[in-house]
PDB file of N, CA and C in Angstrom:
ATOM      1  N   UNK A   1       0.860  -1.175   0.000  1.00  0.00           N
ATOM      2  CA  UNK A   1       0.000   0.000   0.000  1.00  0.00           C
ATOM      3  C   UNK A   1       0.901   1.232   0.000  1.00  0.00           C
ATOM      4  N   UNK A   2       0.670   2.123  -0.923  1.00  0.00           N
ATOM      5  CA  UNK A   2       1.448   3.351  -1.035  1.00  0.00           C
ATOM      6  C   UNK A   2       1.128   4.306   0.107  1.00  0.00           C
ATOM      7  N   UNK A   3       2.113   5.147   0.423  1.00  0.00           N
ATOM      8  CA  UNK A   3       1.919   6.170   1.450  1.00  0.00           C
ATOM      9  C   UNK A   3       0.888   7.194   0.986  1.00  0.00           C
ATOM     10  N   UNK A   4       0.061   7.632   1.907  1.00  0.00           N
ATOM     11  CA  UNK A   4      -0.916   8.681   1.635  1.00  0.00           C
ATOM     12  C   UNK A   4      -1.002   9.574   2.866  1.00  0.00           C
ATOM     13  N   UNK A   5      -0.893  10.870   2.649  1.00  0.00           N
ATOM     14  CA  UNK A   5      -1.002  11.832   3.743  1.00  0.00           C
ATOM     15  C   UNK A   5      -2.361  11.728   4.419  1.00  0.00           C
ATOM     16  N   UNK A   6      -3.413  11.494   3.617  1.00  0.00           N
ATOM     17  CA  UNK A   6      -4.763  11.387   4.175  1.00  0.00           C
ATOM     18  C   UNK A   6      -4.902  10.138   5.045  1.00  0.00           C
ATOM     19  N   UNK A   7      -4.379   8.997   4.587  1.00  0.00           N
ATOM     20  CA  UNK A   7      -4.440   7.776   5.407  1.00  0.00           C
ATOM     21  C   UNK A   7      -3.648   7.952   6.690  1.00  0.00           C
ATOM     22  N   UNK A   8      -2.503   8.618   6.585  1.00  0.00           N
ATOM     23  CA  UNK A   8      -1.686   8.874   7.768  1.00  0.00           C
ATOM     24  C   UNK A   8      -2.457   9.720   8.777  1.00  0.00           C
ATOM     25  N   UNK A   9      -3.191  10.705   8.299  1.00  0.00           N
ATOM     26  CA  UNK A   9      -4.017  11.547   9.187  1.00  0.00           C
ATOM     27  C   UNK A   9      -5.121  10.723   9.849  1.00  0.00           C
ATOM     28  N   UNK A  10      -5.755   9.847   9.078  1.00  0.00           N
ATOM     29  CA  UNK A  10      -6.803   8.984   9.638  1.00  0.00           C
ATOM     30  C   UNK A  10      -6.234   8.079  10.716  1.00  0.00           C
ATOM     31  N   UNK A  11      -5.077   7.506  10.452  1.00  0.00           N
ATOM     32  CA  UNK A  11      -4.441   6.639  11.446  1.00  0.00           C
ATOM     33  C   UNK A  11      -4.106   7.415  12.711  1.00  0.00           C
ATOM     34  N   UNK A  12      -3.604   8.618  12.555  1.00  0.00           N
ATOM     35  CA  UNK A  12      -3.267   9.443  13.717  1.00  0.00           C
ATOM     36  C   UNK A  12      -4.524   9.713  14.547  1.00  0.00           C
ATOM     37  N   UNK A  13      -5.626  10.040  13.873  1.00  0.00           N
ATOM     38  CA  UNK A  13      -6.893  10.285  14.574  1.00  0.00           C
ATOM     39  C   UNK A  13      -7.335   9.031  15.315  1.00  0.00           C
ATOM     40  N   UNK A  14      -7.325   7.894  14.636  1.00  0.00           N
ATOM     41  CA  UNK A  14      -7.808   6.654  15.237  1.00  0.00           C
ATOM     42  C   UNK A  14      -6.927   6.173  16.380  1.00  0.00           C
ATOM     43  N   UNK A  15      -5.629   6.355  16.252  1.00  0.00           N
ATOM     44  CA  UNK A  15      -4.714   5.867  17.289  1.00  0.00           C
ATOM     45  C   UNK A  15      -4.604   6.810  18.474  1.00  0.00           C
ATOM     46  N   UNK A  16      -5.189   7.998  18.356  1.00  0.00           N
ATOM     47  CA  UNK A  16      -5.115   8.961  19.453  1.00  0.00           C
ATOM     48  C   UNK A  16      -6.395   8.991  20.289  1.00  0.00           C
ATOM     49  N   UNK A  17      -7.348   8.093  19.996  1.00  0.00           N
ATOM     50  CA  UNK A  17      -8.610   8.115  20.717  1.00  0.00           C
ATOM     51  C   UNK A  17      -9.063   6.698  21.059  1.00  0.00           C
ATOM     52  N   UNK A  18      -9.850   6.597  22.102  1.00  0.00           N
ATOM     53  CA  UNK A  18     -10.500   5.333  22.480  1.00  0.00           C
ATOM     54  C   UNK A  18     -11.990   5.404  22.193  1.00  0.00           C
ATOM     55  N   UNK A  19     -12.435   6.448  21.469  1.00  0.00           N
ATOM     56  CA  UNK A  19     -13.866   6.671  21.277  1.00  0.00           C
ATOM     57  C   UNK A  19     -14.468   5.863  20.132  1.00  0.00           C
ATOM     58  N   UNK A  20     -13.642   5.201  19.316  1.00  0.00           N
ATOM     59  CA  UNK A  20     -14.139   4.399  18.205  1.00  0.00           C
ATOM     60  C   UNK A  20     -15.045   5.220  17.285  1.00  0.00           C
ATOM     61  N   UNK A  21     -14.475   6.215  16.609  1.00  0.00           N
ATOM     62  CA  UNK A  21     -15.291   7.130  15.806  1.00  0.00           C
ATOM     63  C   UNK A  21     -15.905   6.479  14.573  1.00  0.00           C
ATOM     64  N   UNK A  22     -16.951   7.094  14.080  1.00  0.00           N
ATOM     65  CA  UNK A  22     -17.569   6.693  12.814  1.00  0.00           C
ATOM     66  C   UNK A  22     -16.811   7.386  11.681  1.00  0.00           C
ATOM     67  N   UNK A  23     -17.102   6.983  10.449  1.00  0.00           N
ATOM     68  CA  UNK A  23     -16.474   7.621   9.289  1.00  0.00           C
ATOM     69  C   UNK A  23     -16.802   9.112   9.264  1.00  0.00           C
ATOM     70  N   UNK A  24     -18.032   9.459   9.600  1.00  0.00           N
ATOM     71  CA  UNK A  24     -18.426  10.869   9.600  1.00  0.00           C
ATOM     72  C   UNK A  24     -17.654  11.663  10.651  1.00  0.00           C
ATOM     73  N   UNK A  25     -17.438  11.080  11.812  1.00  0.00           N
ATOM     74  CA  UNK A  25     -16.670  11.767  12.854  1.00  0.00           C
ATOM     75  C   UNK A  25     -15.212  11.950  12.428  1.00  0.00           C
ATOM     76  N   UNK A  26     -14.647  10.951  11.769  1.00  0.00           N
ATOM     77  CA  UNK A  26     -13.280  11.058  11.259  1.00  0.00           C
ATOM     78  C   UNK A  26     -13.225  12.142  10.183  1.00  0.00           C
ATOM     79  N   UNK A  27     -14.219  12.136   9.314  1.00  0.00           N
ATOM     80  CA  UNK A  27     -14.313  13.150   8.258  1.00  0.00           C
ATOM     81  C   UNK A  27     -14.347  14.557   8.857  1.00  0.00           C
ATOM     82  N   UNK A  28     -15.179  14.772   9.860  1.00  0.00           N
ATOM     83  CA  UNK A  28     -15.296  16.094  10.485  1.00  0.00           C
ATOM     84  C   UNK A  28     -13.972  16.516  11.131  1.00  0.00           C
ATOM     85  N   UNK A  29     -13.280  15.575  11.737  1.00  0.00           N
ATOM     86  CA  UNK A  29     -11.976  15.879  12.343  1.00  0.00           C
ATOM     87  C   UNK A  29     -10.942  16.224  11.265  1.00  0.00           C
ATOM     88  N   UNK A  30     -10.965  15.489  10.165  1.00  0.00           N
ATOM     89  CA  UNK A  30     -10.010  15.739   9.083  1.00  0.00           C
ATOM     90  C   UNK A  30     -10.266  17.069   8.380  1.00  0.00           C
ATOM     91  N   UNK A  31     -11.528  17.476   8.329  1.00  0.00           N
ATOM     92  CA  UNK A  31     -11.881  18.745   7.677  1.00  0.00           C
ATOM     93  C   UNK A  31     -11.254  19.951   8.391  1.00  0.00           C
ATOM     94  N   UNK A  32     -10.882  19.769   9.642  1.00  0.00           N
ATOM     95  CA  UNK A  32     -10.249  20.869  10.386  1.00  0.00           C
ATOM     96  C   UNK A  32      -8.898  21.240   9.791  1.00  0.00           C
ATOM     97  N   UNK A  33      -8.210  20.269   9.181  1.00  0.00           N
ATOM     98  CA  UNK A  33      -6.894  20.534   8.601  1.00  0.00           C
ATOM     99  C   UNK A  33      -6.858  20.364   7.087  1.00  0.00           C
ATOM    100  N   UNK A  34      -7.890  19.735   6.521  1.00  0.00           N
ATOM    101  CA  UNK A  34      -7.935  19.503   5.070  1.00  0.00           C
ATOM    102  C   UNK A  34      -9.355  19.780   4.582  1.00  0.00           C
ATOM    103  N   UNK A  35      -9.630  21.017   4.236  1.00  0.00           N
ATOM    104  CA  UNK A  35     -11.000  21.407   3.867  1.00  0.00           C
ATOM    105  C   UNK A  35     -11.458  20.806   2.547  1.00  0.00           C
ATOM    106  N   UNK A  36     -10.540  20.241   1.773  1.00  0.00           N
ATOM    107  CA  UNK A  36     -10.893  19.690   0.466  1.00  0.00           C
ATOM    108  C   UNK A  36     -11.210  18.195   0.504  1.00  0.00           C
ATOM    109  N   UNK A  37     -10.999  17.548   1.618  1.00  0.00           N
ATOM    110  CA  UNK A  37     -11.239  16.102   1.685  1.00  0.00           C
ATOM    111  C   UNK A  37     -12.736  15.816   1.577  1.00  0.00           C
ATOM    112  N   UNK A  38     -13.067  14.727   0.897  1.00  0.00           N
ATOM    113  CA  UNK A  38     -14.479  14.355   0.750  1.00  0.00           C
ATOM    114  C   UNK A  38     -14.789  13.160   1.643  1.00  0.00           C
ATOM    115  N   UNK A  39     -16.054  13.011   1.948  1.00  0.00           N
ATOM    116  CA  UNK A  39     -16.491  11.870   2.746  1.00  0.00           C
ATOM    117  C   UNK A  39     -16.203  10.569   2.004  1.00  0.00           C
ATOM    118  N   UNK A  40     -16.338  10.574   0.688  1.00  0.00           N
ATOM    119  CA  UNK A  40     -16.027   9.391  -0.118  1.00  0.00           C
ATOM    120  C   UNK A  40     -14.574   8.974   0.012  1.00  0.00           C
ATOM    121  N   UNK A  41     -13.675   9.940   0.051  1.00  0.00           N
ATOM    122  CA  UNK A  41     -12.253   9.654   0.233  1.00  0.00           C
ATOM    123  C   UNK A  41     -12.007   9.016   1.593  1.00  0.00           C
ATOM    124  N   UNK A  42     -12.693   9.524   2.606  1.00  0.00           N
ATOM    125  CA  UNK A  42     -12.559   8.961   3.948  1.00  0.00           C
ATOM    126  C   UNK A  42     -13.022   7.503   3.939  1.00  0.00           C
ATOM    127  N   UNK A  43     -14.186   7.227   3.367  1.00  0.00           N
ATOM    128  CA  UNK A  43     -14.688   5.856   3.306  1.00  0.00           C
ATOM    129  C   UNK A  43     -13.743   4.938   2.535  1.00  0.00           C
ATOM    130  N   UNK A  44     -13.259   5.385   1.384  1.00  0.00           N
ATOM    131  CA  UNK A  44     -12.357   4.553   0.582  1.00  0.00           C
ATOM    132  C   UNK A  44     -11.099   4.206   1.357  1.00  0.00           C
ATOM    133  N   UNK A  45     -10.528   5.190   2.028  1.00  0.00           N
ATOM    134  CA  UNK A  45      -9.303   4.954   2.781  1.00  0.00           C
ATOM    135  C   UNK A  45      -9.541   4.106   4.023  1.00  0.00           C
ATOM    136  N   UNK A  46     -10.660   4.308   4.693  1.00  0.00           N
ATOM    137  CA  UNK A  46     -10.982   3.454   5.844  1.00  0.00           C
ATOM    138  C   UNK A  46     -11.145   2.001   5.407  1.00  0.00           C
ATOM    139  N   UNK A  47     -11.814   1.779   4.282  1.00  0.00           N
ATOM    140  CA  UNK A  47     -11.973   0.418   3.767  1.00  0.00           C
ATOM    141  C   UNK A  47     -10.629  -0.197   3.421  1.00  0.00           C
ATOM    142  N   UNK A  48      -9.744   0.575   2.811  1.00  0.00           N
ATOM    143  CA  UNK A  48      -8.416   0.088   2.460  1.00  0.00           C
ATOM    144  C   UNK A  48      -7.618  -0.271   3.711  1.00  0.00           C
ATOM    145  N   UNK A  49      -7.677   0.592   4.721  1.00  0.00           N
ATOM    146  CA  UNK A  49      -6.978   0.322   5.977  1.00  0.00           C
ATOM    147  C   UNK A  49      -7.539  -0.919   6.668  1.00  0.00           C
ATOM    148  N   UNK A  50      -8.844  -1.100   6.630  1.00  0.00           N
ATOM    149  CA  UNK A  50      -9.469  -2.300   7.208  1.00  0.00           C
ATOM    150  C   UNK A  50      -9.064  -3.549   6.432  1.00  0.00           C
ATOM    151  N   UNK A  51      -9.151  -3.468   5.113  1.00  0.00           N
ATOM    152  CA  UNK A  51      -8.826  -4.624   4.271  1.00  0.00           C
ATOM    153  C   UNK A  51      -7.382  -5.070   4.439  1.00  0.00           C
ATOM    154  N   UNK A  52      -6.503  -4.145   4.811  1.00  0.00           N
ATOM    155  CA  UNK A  52      -5.091  -4.464   5.015  1.00  0.00           C
ATOM    156  C   UNK A  52      -4.756  -4.762   6.476  1.00  0.00           C
ATOM    157  N   UNK A  53      -5.776  -4.827   7.334  1.00  0.00           N
ATOM    158  CA  UNK A  53      -5.572  -5.196   8.735  1.00  0.00           C
ATOM    159  C   UNK A  53      -4.894  -4.131   9.573  1.00  0.00           C
ATOM    160  N   UNK A  54      -4.923  -2.890   9.130  1.00  0.00           N
ATOM    161  CA  UNK A  54      -4.252  -1.808   9.846  1.00  0.00           C
ATOM    162  C   UNK A  54      -5.165  -1.185  10.891  1.00  0.00           C
ATOM    163  N   UNK A  55      -6.470  -1.224  10.649  1.00  0.00           N
ATOM    164  CA  UNK A  55      -7.473  -0.767  11.616  1.00  0.00           C
ATOM    165  C   UNK A  55      -8.596  -1.797  11.665  1.00  0.00           C
ATOM    166  N   UNK A  56      -9.468  -1.675  12.660  1.00  0.00           N
ATOM    167  CA  UNK A  56     -10.616  -2.571  12.794  1.00  0.00           C
ATOM    168  C   UNK A  56     -11.910  -1.856  12.455  1.00  0.00           C
ATOM    169  N   UNK A  57     -12.814  -2.566  11.834  1.00  0.00           N
ATOM    170  CA  UNK A  57     -14.180  -2.102  11.572  1.00  0.00           C
ATOM    171  C   UNK A  57     -15.064  -2.783  12.613  1.00  0.00           C
ATOM    172  N   UNK A  58     -15.853  -2.002  13.332  1.00  0.00           N
ATOM    173  CA  UNK A  58     -16.746  -2.554  14.353  1.00  0.00           C
ATOM    174  C   UNK A  58     -18.169  -2.333  13.884  1.00  0.00           C
ATOM    175  N   UNK A  59     -18.826  -3.405  13.482  1.00  0.00           N
ATOM    176  CA  UNK A  59     -20.227  -3.324  13.082  1.00  0.00           C
ATOM    177  C   UNK A  59     -21.087  -3.399  14.334  1.00  0.00           C
ATOM    178  N   UNK A  60     -22.072  -2.526  14.400  1.00  0.00           N
ATOM    179  CA  UNK A  60     -22.933  -2.462  15.575  1.00  0.00           C
ATOM    180  C   UNK A  60     -24.364  -2.824  15.191  1.00  0.00           C
ATOM    181  N   UNK A  61     -25.230  -2.909  16.176  1.00  0.00           N
ATOM    182  CA  UNK A  61     -26.641  -3.211  15.923  1.00  0.00           C
ATOM    183  C   UNK A  61     -27.423  -1.992  15.463  1.00  0.00           C
ATOM    184  N   UNK A  62     -26.785  -0.838  15.411  1.00  0.00           N
ATOM    185  CA  UNK A  62     -27.464   0.352  14.900  1.00  0.00           C
ATOM    186  C   UNK A  62     -26.861   0.709  13.544  1.00  0.00           C
ATOM    187  N   UNK A  63     -27.257   1.787  12.975  1.00  0.00           N
ATOM    188  CA  UNK A  63     -26.947   2.097  11.573  1.00  0.00           C
ATOM    189  C   UNK A  63     -25.532   2.577  11.298  1.00  0.00           C
ATOM    190  N   UNK A  64     -24.672   2.630  12.259  1.00  0.00           N
ATOM    191  CA  UNK A  64     -23.332   3.151  12.002  1.00  0.00           C
ATOM    192  C   UNK A  64     -22.259   2.095  12.220  1.00  0.00           C
ATOM    193  N   UNK A  65     -21.155   2.300  11.540  1.00  0.00           N
ATOM    194  CA  UNK A  65     -19.964   1.461  11.686  1.00  0.00           C
ATOM    195  C   UNK A  65     -18.925   2.317  12.390  1.00  0.00           C
ATOM    196  N   UNK A  66     -18.221   1.731  13.342  1.00  0.00           N
ATOM    197  CA  UNK A  66     -17.190   2.445  14.080  1.00  0.00           C
ATOM    198  C   UNK A  66     -15.832   1.853  13.718  1.00  0.00           C
ATOM    199  N   UNK A  67     -14.776   2.611  13.977  1.00  0.00           N
ATOM    200  CA  UNK A  67     -13.430   2.189  13.615  1.00  0.00           C
ATOM    201  C   UNK A  67     -12.515   2.266  14.825  1.00  0.00           C
ATOM    202  N   UNK A  68     -11.531   1.369  14.852  1.00  0.00           N
ATOM    203  CA  UNK A  68     -10.608   1.267  15.974  1.00  0.00           C
ATOM    204  C   UNK A  68      -9.187   1.201  15.434  1.00  0.00           C
ATOM    205  N   UNK A  69      -8.319   2.051  15.950  1.00  0.00           N
ATOM    206  CA  UNK A  69      -6.927   2.053  15.537  1.00  0.00           C
ATOM    207  C   UNK A  69      -6.098   0.983  16.206  1.00  0.00           C
ATOM    208  N   UNK A  70      -6.648   0.308  17.197  1.00  0.00           N
ATOM    209  CA  UNK A  70      -5.944  -0.770  17.900  1.00  0.00           C
ATOM    210  C   UNK A  70      -6.377  -2.110  17.321  1.00  0.00           C
ATOM    211  N   UNK A  71      -5.448  -2.815  16.695  1.00  0.00           N
ATOM    212  CA  UNK A  71      -5.780  -4.104  16.088  1.00  0.00           C
ATOM    213  C   UNK A  71      -5.361  -5.283  16.962  1.00  0.00           C
ATOM    214  N   UNK A  72      -4.802  -4.992  18.130  1.00  0.00           N
ATOM    215  CA  UNK A  72      -4.475  -6.069  19.069  1.00  0.00           C
ATOM    216  C   UNK A  72      -5.772  -6.739  19.506  1.00  0.00           C
ATOM    217  N   UNK A  73      -5.745  -8.048  19.729  1.00  0.00           N
ATOM    218  CA  UNK A  73      -6.985  -8.748  20.108  1.00  0.00           C
ATOM    219  C   UNK A  73      -7.613  -8.160  21.375  1.00  0.00           C
ATOM    220  N   UNK A  74      -8.848  -7.738  21.259  1.00  0.00           N
ATOM    221  CA  UNK A  74      -9.624  -7.260  22.397  1.00  0.00           C
ATOM    222  C   UNK A  74     -11.102  -7.265  22.011  1.00  0.00           C
ATOM    223  N   UNK A  75     -11.955  -7.211  23.007  1.00  0.00           N
ATOM    224  CA  UNK A  75     -13.403  -7.245  22.801  1.00  0.00           C
ATOM    225  C   UNK A  75     -13.970  -5.833  22.882  1.00  0.00           C
ATOM    226  N   UNK A  76     -15.205  -5.702  22.412  1.00  0.00           N
ATOM    227  CA  UNK A  76     -15.896  -4.413  22.457  1.00  0.00           C
ATOM    228  C   UNK A  76     -17.276  -4.567  23.089  1.00  0.00           C
ATOM    229  N   UNK A  77     -17.771  -3.465  23.615  1.00  0.00           N
ATOM    230  CA  UNK A  77     -19.123  -3.377  24.160  1.00  0.00           C
ATOM    231  C   UNK A  77     -19.805  -2.200  23.481  1.00  0.00           C
ATOM    232  N   UNK A  78     -21.000  -2.424  22.936  1.00  0.00           N
ATOM    233  CA  UNK A  78     -21.764  -1.369  22.266  1.00  0.00           C
ATOM    234  C   UNK A  78     -23.006  -1.072  23.093  1.00  0.00           C
ATOM    235  N   UNK A  79     -23.150   0.193  23.491  1.00  0.00           N
ATOM    236  CA  UNK A  79     -24.320   0.603  24.269  1.00  0.00           C
ATOM    237  C   UNK A  79     -25.505   0.818  23.330  1.00  0.00           C
ATOM    238  N   UNK A  80     -26.609   0.177  23.656  1.00  0.00           N
ATOM    239  CA  UNK A  80     -27.797   0.273  22.812  1.00  0.00           C
ATOM    240  C   UNK A  80     -28.482   1.637  22.919  1.00  0.00           C
ATOM    241  N   UNK A  81     -28.187   2.400  23.970  1.00  0.00           N
ATOM    242  CA  UNK A  81     -28.817   3.712  24.142  1.00  0.00           C
ATOM    243  C   UNK A  81     -27.974   4.845  23.561  1.00  0.00           C
ATOM    244  N   UNK A  82     -26.752   5.016  24.058  1.00  0.00           N
ATOM    245  CA  UNK A  82     -25.922   6.146  23.607  1.00  0.00           C
ATOM    246  C   UNK A  82     -25.092   5.808  22.371  1.00  0.00           C
ATOM    247  N   UNK A  83     -25.074   4.539  21.976  1.00  0.00           N
ATOM    248  CA  UNK A  83     -24.381   4.067  20.768  1.00  0.00           C
ATOM    249  C   UNK A  83     -22.866   4.130  20.863  1.00  0.00           C
ATOM    250  N   UNK A  84     -22.323   4.407  22.043  1.00  0.00           N
ATOM    251  CA  UNK A  84     -20.870   4.441  22.207  1.00  0.00           C
ATOM    252  C   UNK A  84     -20.314   3.028  22.177  1.00  0.00           C
ATOM    253  N   UNK A  85     -19.044   2.936  21.773  1.00  0.00           N
ATOM    254  CA  UNK A  85     -18.336   1.662  21.724  1.00  0.00           C
ATOM    255  C   UNK A  85     -17.193   1.732  22.727  1.00  0.00           C
ATOM    256  N   UNK A  86     -17.072   0.705  23.554  1.00  0.00           N
ATOM    257  CA  UNK A  86     -16.059   0.656  24.599  1.00  0.00           C
ATOM    258  C   UNK A  86     -15.138  -0.534  24.367  1.00  0.00           C
ATOM    259  N   UNK A  87     -13.859  -0.385  24.719  1.00  0.00           N
ATOM    260  CA  UNK A  87     -12.931  -1.505  24.723  1.00  0.00           C
ATOM    261  C   UNK A  87     -13.156  -2.315  25.987  1.00  0.00           C
ATOM    262  N   UNK A  88     -13.079  -3.631  25.871  1.00  0.00           N
ATOM    263  CA  UNK A  88     -13.135  -4.527  27.017  1.00  0.00           C
ATOM    264  C   UNK A  88     -11.845  -5.329  27.049  1.00  0.00           C
ATOM    265  N   UNK A  89     -11.193  -5.334  28.180  1.00  0.00           N
ATOM    266  CA  UNK A  89      -9.959  -6.105  28.331  1.00  0.00           C
ATOM    267  C   UNK A  89     -10.303  -7.437  28.999  1.00  0.00           C
ATOM    268  N   UNK A  90     -10.761  -8.376  28.190  1.00  0.00           N
ATOM    269  CA  UNK A  90     -11.134  -9.699  28.682  1.00  0.00           C
ATOM    270  C   UNK A  90     -10.155 -10.730  28.148  1.00  0.00           C
ATOM    271  N   UNK A  91      -9.859 -11.733  28.942  1.00  0.00           N
ATOM    272  CA  UNK A  91      -8.981 -12.803  28.477  1.00  0.00           C
ATOM    273  C   UNK A  91      -9.807 -13.805  27.676  1.00  0.00           C
ATOM    274  N   UNK A  92      -9.652 -13.780  26.379  1.00  0.00           N
ATOM    275  CA  UNK A  92     -10.373 -14.702  25.496  1.00  0.00           C
ATOM    276  C   UNK A  92      -9.400 -15.644  24.790  1.00  0.00           C
ATOM    277  N   UNK A  93      -8.193 -15.773  25.340  1.00  0.00           N
ATOM    278  CA  UNK A  93      -7.146 -16.552  24.681  1.00  0.00           C
ATOM    279  C   UNK A  93      -7.527 -18.012  24.475  1.00  0.00           C
ATOM    280  N   UNK A  94      -8.374 -18.545  25.346  1.00  0.00           N
ATOM    281  CA  UNK A  94      -8.741 -19.957  25.200  1.00  0.00           C
ATOM    282  C   UNK A  94      -9.912 -20.185  24.242  1.00  0.00           C
ATOM    283  N   UNK A  95     -10.540 -19.123  23.762  1.00  0.00           N
ATOM    284  CA  UNK A  95     -11.685 -19.282  22.856  1.00  0.00           C
ATOM    285  C   UNK A  95     -11.302 -19.954  21.542  1.00  0.00           C
ATOM    286  N   UNK A  96     -10.203 -19.517  20.939  1.00  0.00           N
ATOM    287  CA  UNK A  96      -9.777 -20.110  19.672  1.00  0.00           C
ATOM    288  C   UNK A  96      -9.516 -21.609  19.840  1.00  0.00           C
ATOM    289  N   UNK A  97      -8.819 -21.974  20.930  1.00  0.00           N
ATOM    290  CA  UNK A  97      -8.537 -23.397  21.186  1.00  0.00           C
ATOM    291  C   UNK A  97      -9.819 -24.185  21.418  1.00  0.00           C
ATOM    292  N   UNK A  98     -10.763 -23.592  22.148  1.00  0.00           N
ATOM    293  CA  UNK A  98     -12.029 -24.272  22.431  1.00  0.00           C
ATOM    294  C   UNK A  98     -12.801 -24.551  21.133  1.00  0.00           C
ATOM    295  N   UNK A  99     -12.844 -23.573  20.233  1.00  0.00           N
ATOM    296  CA  UNK A  99     -13.530 -23.762  18.955  1.00  0.00           C
ATOM    297  C   UNK A  99     -12.815 -24.834  18.132  1.00  0.00           C
ATOM    298  N   UNK A 100     -11.485 -24.806  18.113  1.00  0.00           N
ATOM    299  CA  UNK A 100     -10.713 -25.830  17.385  1.00  0.00           C
ATOM    300  C   UNK A 100     -11.039 -27.229  17.915  1.00  0.00           C
ATOM    301  N   UNK A 101     -11.054 -27.362  19.249  1.00  0.00           N
ATOM    302  CA  UNK A 101     -11.296 -28.665  19.870  1.00  0.00           C
ATOM    303  C   UNK A 101     -12.701 -29.183  19.585  1.00  0.00           C
ATOM    304  N   UNK A 102     -13.688 -28.285  19.647  1.00  0.00           N
ATOM    305  CA  UNK A 102     -15.075 -28.716  19.507  1.00  0.00           C
ATOM    306  C   UNK A 102     -15.536 -28.881  18.068  1.00  0.00           C
ATOM    307  N   UNK A 103     -14.827 -28.245  17.121  1.00  0.00           N
ATOM    308  CA  UNK A 103     -15.293 -28.293  15.736  1.00  0.00           C
ATOM    309  C   UNK A 103     -14.277 -28.852  14.755  1.00  0.00           C
ATOM    310  N   UNK A 104     -13.018 -28.901  15.131  1.00  0.00           N
ATOM    311  CA  UNK A 104     -11.917 -29.285  14.253  1.00  0.00           C
ATOM    312  C   UNK A 104     -11.731 -28.265  13.125  1.00  0.00           C
ATOM    313  N   UNK A 105     -12.258 -27.048  13.300  1.00  0.00           N
ATOM    314  CA  UNK A 105     -12.062 -25.967  12.327  1.00  0.00           C
ATOM    315  C   UNK A 105     -10.657 -25.392  12.493  1.00  0.00           C
ATOM    316  N   UNK A 106     -10.168 -24.733  11.473  1.00  0.00           N
ATOM    317  CA  UNK A 106      -8.939 -23.972  11.567  1.00  0.00           C
ATOM    318  C   UNK A 106      -9.324 -22.546  11.919  1.00  0.00           C
ATOM    319  N   UNK A 107      -8.906 -22.089  13.082  1.00  0.00           N
ATOM    320  CA  UNK A 107      -9.278 -20.762  13.573  1.00  0.00           C
ATOM    321  C   UNK A 107      -8.088 -19.820  13.426  1.00  0.00           C
ATOM    322  N   UNK A 108      -8.315 -18.685  12.784  1.00  0.00           N
ATOM    323  CA  UNK A 108      -7.242 -17.705  12.621  1.00  0.00           C
ATOM    324  C   UNK A 108      -7.429 -16.499  13.547  1.00  0.00           C
ATOM    325  N   UNK A 109      -8.536 -16.420  14.255  1.00  0.00           N
ATOM    326  CA  UNK A 109      -8.804 -15.318  15.169  1.00  0.00           C
ATOM    327  C   UNK A 109     -10.296 -15.194  15.400  1.00  0.00           C
ATOM    328  N   UNK A 110     -10.677 -14.177  16.151  1.00  0.00           N
ATOM    329  CA  UNK A 110     -12.092 -13.963  16.429  1.00  0.00           C
ATOM    330  C   UNK A 110     -12.346 -12.489  16.721  1.00  0.00           C
ATOM    331  N   UNK A 111     -13.605 -12.114  16.644  1.00  0.00           N
ATOM    332  CA  UNK A 111     -14.055 -10.777  16.990  1.00  0.00           C
ATOM    333  C   UNK A 111     -15.258 -10.944  17.904  1.00  0.00           C
ATOM    334  N   UNK A 112     -15.230 -10.283  19.037  1.00  0.00           N
ATOM    335  CA  UNK A 112     -16.292 -10.458  20.010  1.00  0.00           C
ATOM    336  C   UNK A 112     -16.837  -9.100  20.419  1.00  0.00           C
ATOM    337  N   UNK A 113     -18.149  -8.901  20.203  1.00  0.00           N
ATOM    338  CA  UNK A 113     -18.814  -7.641  20.544  1.00  0.00           C
ATOM    339  C   UNK A 113     -19.993  -7.947  21.454  1.00  0.00           C
ATOM    340  N   UNK A 114     -20.030  -7.281  22.599  1.00  0.00           N
ATOM    341  CA  UNK A 114     -21.138  -7.409  23.534  1.00  0.00           C
ATOM    342  C   UNK A 114     -22.069  -6.217  23.351  1.00  0.00           C
ATOM    343  N   UNK A 115     -23.347  -6.412  23.611  1.00  0.00           N
ATOM    344  CA  UNK A 115     -24.352  -5.364  23.460  1.00  0.00           C
ATOM    345  C   UNK A 115     -25.133  -5.218  24.758  1.00  0.00           C
ATOM    346  N   UNK A 116     -25.548  -4.024  25.058  1.00  0.00           N
ATOM    347  CA  UNK A 116     -26.335  -3.768  26.250  1.00  0.00           C
ATOM    348  C   UNK A 116     -26.333  -2.295  26.562  1.00  0.00           C
ATOM    349  N   UNK A 117     -26.417  -1.962  27.844  1.00  0.00           N
ATOM    350  CA  UNK A 117     -26.424  -0.564  28.268  1.00  0.00           C
ATOM    351  C   UNK A 117     -25.178  -0.304  29.125  1.00  0.00           C
ATOM    352  N   UNK A 118     -24.509   0.814  28.825  1.00  0.00           N
ATOM    353  CA  UNK A 118     -23.323   1.192  29.602  1.00  0.00           C
ATOM    354  C   UNK A 118     -23.757   1.717  30.968  1.00  0.00           C
ATOM    355  N   UNK A 119     -22.793   1.981  31.837  1.00  0.00           N
ATOM    356  CA  UNK A 119     -23.097   2.456  33.194  1.00  0.00           C
ATOM    357  C   UNK A 119     -23.859   3.773  33.197  1.00  0.00           C
ATOM    358  N   UNK A 120     -23.611   4.645  32.234  1.00  0.00           N
ATOM    359  CA  UNK A 120     -24.316   5.931  32.188  1.00  0.00           C
ATOM    360  C   UNK A 120     -25.757   5.784  31.739  1.00  0.00           C
ATOM    361  N   UNK A 121     -26.059   4.751  30.971  1.00  0.00           N
ATOM    362  CA  UNK A 121     -27.405   4.593  30.385  1.00  0.00           C
ATOM    363  C   UNK A 121     -28.282   3.572  31.085  1.00  0.00           C
ATOM    364  N   UNK A 122     -27.732   2.732  31.928  1.00  0.00           N
ATOM    365  CA  UNK A 122     -28.516   1.629  32.495  1.00  0.00           C
ATOM    366  C   UNK A 122     -29.503   2.025  33.572  1.00  0.00           C
ATOM    367  N   UNK A 123     -29.402   3.240  34.074  1.00  0.00           N
ATOM    368  CA  UNK A 123     -30.322   3.675  35.140  1.00  0.00           C
ATOM    369  C   UNK A 123     -31.651   4.111  34.618  1.00  0.00           C
TER     370      UNK A 123
END
């Protein structure tokens, strides 16, 4: 993948936050320094970064997709009320082995997303 100033900016945004922004939020942040960037360019570059394993795409139960600059194995929690995405530091190291043992499948990894209400919304 060739170097791109725009992709580098997206990576900087994603790696500097734990908020798991949407493409639109990344676009709005990028517009602060690059008024000519289009939303289509943001989507194309996010897809390229995801396809190359440089960032994660987090699909949620609502209409938006969120992105994560941390590709190290970890779980996520999506709040059904405020729609925020949170990192969860859970030990899931034995999940791949358990699936291999029970199914004889070849497992290359997993993605785990929990859904519910966060502490701010559950009351």
